[in-house]
Amino acid sequence: MGYNIQAASDSKNKLLIAADTGDVNDTKALAVMVEKAQQNIHTVENVLADKGYHSGRELKACEQLGVITYVSPKEHSSSKNNGYAMKDFKYNLKQDTYTCPAGKVLTTNARWYNKKLDASGRKSYKVKHYKTKSCEQCTVRDHCTRNKRGRFIERTEYQEYSIRNNQRVNQKKKYLGRFT
């Protein structure tokens, strides 16, 4: 048996305000800990956590609990391919499109797909797919993708919550100093 111990403390008074043992990993524990802390001290306004707790679903749950999150952002998997990272693609909310660094537009069919994470096939969250046929003739393709069908972007149903959290973190980088 293995358990994952979670603990929350008050930054002002340095007191433990909530604790839990369970079999969930950190990415599924943030909102539960916020609820426990709220039950114990009744007022939780801000939450600071390391990137192990960064999950769009949990960020949304915290927002619904009325809590402002400052969770260190995870590096997007695309930044590991030695090409353009996700941050290099600009999202247009009004058009629901992405524009790549070469100025080409990636579009979606607006359909939500179930993203399955575990071996049991349990539905975890929904994503939209964005792509363009312009990759075929692109002069910087080798710097962008190795996929023979071109660059492909997935946008989760929780993307807006991650974006808001990440913007707050970038505005208050001094908070992150506690985790370095």
Protein backbone atom coordinates (compact mmCIF):
# COMPACT_ATOMS: atom_id res chain seq x y z
CA MET A 1 0.00 0.00 0.00
CA GLY A 2 1.12 3.48 -0.77
CA TYR A 3 -0.44 6.70 0.32
CA ASN A 4 0.10 10.25 -0.78
CA ILE A 5 0.06 12.68 2.13
CA GLN A 6 -1.27 16.18 1.46
CA ALA A 7 -0.86 19.13 3.80
CA ALA A 8 -1.89 22.78 3.66
CA SER A 9 -0.51 25.55 5.81
CA ASP A 10 -1.34 29.15 6.47
CA SER A 11 1.47 31.33 5.12
CA LYS A 12 0.93 34.14 7.62
CA ASN A 13 0.89 32.09 10.82
CA LYS A 14 2.84 29.05 9.54
CA LEU A 15 0.21 26.68 10.94
CA LEU A 16 -1.07 23.44 9.45
CA ILE A 17 -4.68 24.05 8.42
CA ALA A 18 -5.53 20.82 6.61
CA ALA A 19 -4.10 17.35 6.01
CA ASP A 20 -5.16 14.22 4.19
CA THR A 21 -3.86 10.81 3.23
CA GLY A 22 -5.17 9.19 0.13
CA ASP A 23 -4.41 7.30 -3.00
CA VAL A 24 -4.66 10.20 -5.46
CA ASN A 25 -1.68 11.98 -6.92
CA ASP A 26 -1.06 15.71 -6.52
CA THR A 27 -2.80 16.65 -9.79
CA LYS A 28 -6.11 15.48 -8.31
CA ALA A 29 -5.66 16.76 -4.75
CA LEU A 30 -5.72 20.57 -4.87
CA ALA A 31 -9.47 21.26 -4.72
CA VAL A 32 -10.01 18.61 -2.04
CA MET A 33 -7.36 20.26 0.11
CA VAL A 34 -8.85 23.70 -0.49
CA GLU A 35 -12.25 22.39 0.65
CA LYS A 36 -10.70 20.87 3.78
CA ALA A 37 -8.91 24.12 4.55
CA GLN A 38 -12.14 26.09 4.04
CA GLN A 39 -13.95 23.76 6.44
CA ASN A 40 -11.24 24.26 9.05
CA ILE A 41 -10.61 28.00 8.86
CA HIS A 42 -13.62 29.20 6.82
CA THR A 43 -11.63 31.70 4.77
CA VAL A 44 -9.25 30.67 2.01
CA GLU A 45 -8.60 33.41 -0.52
CA ASN A 46 -5.38 32.41 -2.26
CA VAL A 47 -3.61 29.11 -2.84
CA LEU A 48 0.07 28.72 -3.70
CA ALA A 49 1.24 25.33 -4.97
CA ASP A 50 4.04 23.78 -7.00
CA LYS A 51 3.64 22.52 -10.56
CA GLY A 52 2.76 19.01 -9.41
CA TYR A 53 -0.69 20.40 -8.58
CA HIS A 54 -1.20 22.10 -11.97
CA SER A 55 -4.33 20.59 -13.49
CA GLY A 56 -6.97 22.50 -15.42
CA ARG A 57 -9.74 20.53 -13.74
CA GLU A 58 -8.40 21.38 -10.27
CA LEU A 59 -7.86 25.05 -11.17
CA LYS A 60 -11.49 25.25 -12.31
CA ALA A 61 -12.70 23.59 -9.10
CA CYS A 62 -10.72 26.07 -6.99
CA GLU A 63 -12.13 28.99 -8.96
CA GLN A 64 -15.64 27.64 -8.33
CA LEU A 65 -14.79 27.52 -4.62
CA GLY A 66 -13.94 31.24 -4.80
CA VAL A 67 -10.19 30.73 -4.40
CA ILE A 68 -7.49 32.44 -6.45
CA THR A 69 -4.75 30.01 -7.47
CA TYR A 70 -1.04 30.58 -7.94
CA VAL A 71 0.06 27.15 -9.13
CA SER A 72 3.42 26.96 -10.86
CA PRO A 73 2.80 26.22 -14.56
CA LYS A 74 3.90 22.94 -16.08
CA GLU A 75 6.07 23.00 -19.16
CA HIS A 76 4.00 22.05 -22.20
CA SER A 77 5.09 18.79 -23.81
CA SER A 78 5.62 20.59 -27.15
CA SER A 79 8.51 22.58 -25.68
CA LYS A 80 10.53 19.36 -25.45
CA ASN A 81 10.58 18.74 -29.21
CA ASN A 82 13.29 21.36 -29.90
CA GLY A 83 10.86 23.29 -32.05
CA TYR A 84 8.24 25.93 -31.50
CA ALA A 85 6.59 25.67 -28.09
CA MET A 86 2.88 26.17 -27.45
CA LYS A 87 3.57 29.69 -26.22
CA ASP A 88 4.75 30.55 -29.75
CA PHE A 89 1.25 29.91 -31.10
CA LYS A 90 -1.26 32.72 -30.55
CA TYR A 91 -4.85 31.82 -29.71
CA ASN A 92 -7.70 33.93 -31.11
CA LEU A 93 -10.72 33.48 -28.82
CA LYS A 94 -13.17 35.20 -31.17
CA GLN A 95 -12.20 33.04 -34.16
CA ASP A 96 -11.34 29.94 -32.09
CA THR A 97 -8.09 29.51 -34.03
CA TYR A 98 -4.35 29.42 -33.43
CA THR A 99 -1.77 31.28 -35.51
CA CYS A 100 1.63 29.65 -35.84
CA PRO A 101 4.96 31.50 -35.82
CA ALA A 102 4.97 31.37 -39.65
CA GLY A 103 1.63 33.22 -39.72
CA LYS A 104 -0.51 30.24 -40.77
CA VAL A 105 -3.89 29.66 -39.11
CA LEU A 106 -4.72 26.38 -37.42
CA THR A 107 -8.45 25.73 -37.31
CA THR A 108 -10.75 23.31 -35.51
CA ASN A 109 -13.87 21.49 -36.60
CA ALA A 110 -15.30 22.65 -33.22
CA ARG A 111 -15.85 19.06 -32.12
CA TRP A 112 -14.89 18.03 -28.60
CA TYR A 113 -13.05 14.71 -28.28
CA ASN A 114 -12.76 12.58 -25.16
CA LYS A 115 -9.17 12.38 -24.02
CA LYS A 116 -8.41 9.12 -22.27
CA LEU A 117 -5.56 9.06 -19.79
CA ASP A 118 -5.51 5.73 -18.02
CA ALA A 119 -5.27 2.12 -19.13
CA SER A 120 -8.88 1.44 -18.17
CA GLY A 121 -10.07 3.90 -20.84
CA ARG A 122 -11.77 6.19 -18.32
CA LYS A 123 -12.75 9.54 -19.84
CA SER A 124 -10.61 12.19 -18.27
CA TYR A 125 -11.36 15.43 -20.09
CA LYS A 126 -12.32 16.88 -23.46
CA VAL A 127 -10.12 18.50 -26.10
CA LYS A 128 -10.49 20.27 -29.42
CA HIS A 129 -8.00 19.65 -32.22
CA TYR A 130 -6.42 22.42 -34.31
CA LYS A 131 -4.46 21.88 -37.53
CA THR A 132 -3.67 23.35 -40.93
CA LYS A 133 -2.75 21.99 -44.34
CA SER A 134 -0.23 24.83 -44.71
CA CYS A 135 2.43 22.71 -43.01
CA GLU A 136 2.99 20.81 -46.26
CA GLN A 137 4.75 23.80 -47.91
CA CYS A 138 6.03 25.55 -44.78
CA THR A 139 9.68 26.64 -44.87
CA VAL A 140 10.08 26.29 -41.07
CA ARG A 141 8.27 22.96 -40.76
CA ASP A 142 11.41 21.14 -39.57
CA HIS A 143 11.66 23.58 -36.67
CA CYS A 144 7.99 23.11 -35.80
CA THR A 145 7.05 19.45 -36.11
CA ARG A 146 8.20 16.00 -37.13
CA ASN A 147 4.62 14.80 -37.63
CA LYS A 148 4.11 13.86 -41.29
CA ARG A 149 0.58 15.34 -41.17
CA GLY A 150 1.80 18.68 -39.81
CA ARG A 151 1.50 20.51 -36.51
CA PHE A 152 -1.36 19.48 -34.28
CA ILE A 153 -2.61 21.36 -31.22
CA GLU A 154 -4.98 20.11 -28.53
CA ARG A 155 -6.89 22.66 -26.44
CA THR A 156 -8.52 21.28 -23.31
CA GLU A 157 -11.89 22.25 -21.93
CA TYR A 158 -9.96 23.67 -18.95
CA GLN A 159 -7.50 25.80 -20.95
CA GLU A 160 -9.01 29.12 -19.86
CA TYR A 161 -8.47 28.25 -16.18
CA SER A 162 -4.84 27.32 -16.80
CA ILE A 163 -4.28 30.53 -18.75
CA ARG A 164 -5.74 32.70 -15.97
CA ASN A 165 -3.66 30.90 -13.33
CA ASN A 166 -0.48 31.17 -15.41
CA GLN A 167 -1.02 34.89 -16.01
CA ARG A 168 -1.41 35.46 -12.26
CA VAL A 169 1.76 33.49 -11.57
CA ASN A 170 3.71 35.46 -14.17
CA GLN A 171 2.49 38.73 -12.64
CA LYS A 172 3.60 37.66 -9.14
CA LYS A 173 6.77 35.70 -9.80
CA LYS A 174 7.96 36.39 -6.25
CA TYR A 175 5.50 33.74 -5.07
CA LEU A 176 7.31 31.09 -7.11
CA GLY A 177 10.52 31.81 -5.22
CA ARG A 178 9.12 29.68 -2.43
CA PHE A 179 9.41 26.59 -4.63
CA THR A 180 12.85 27.11 -6.18
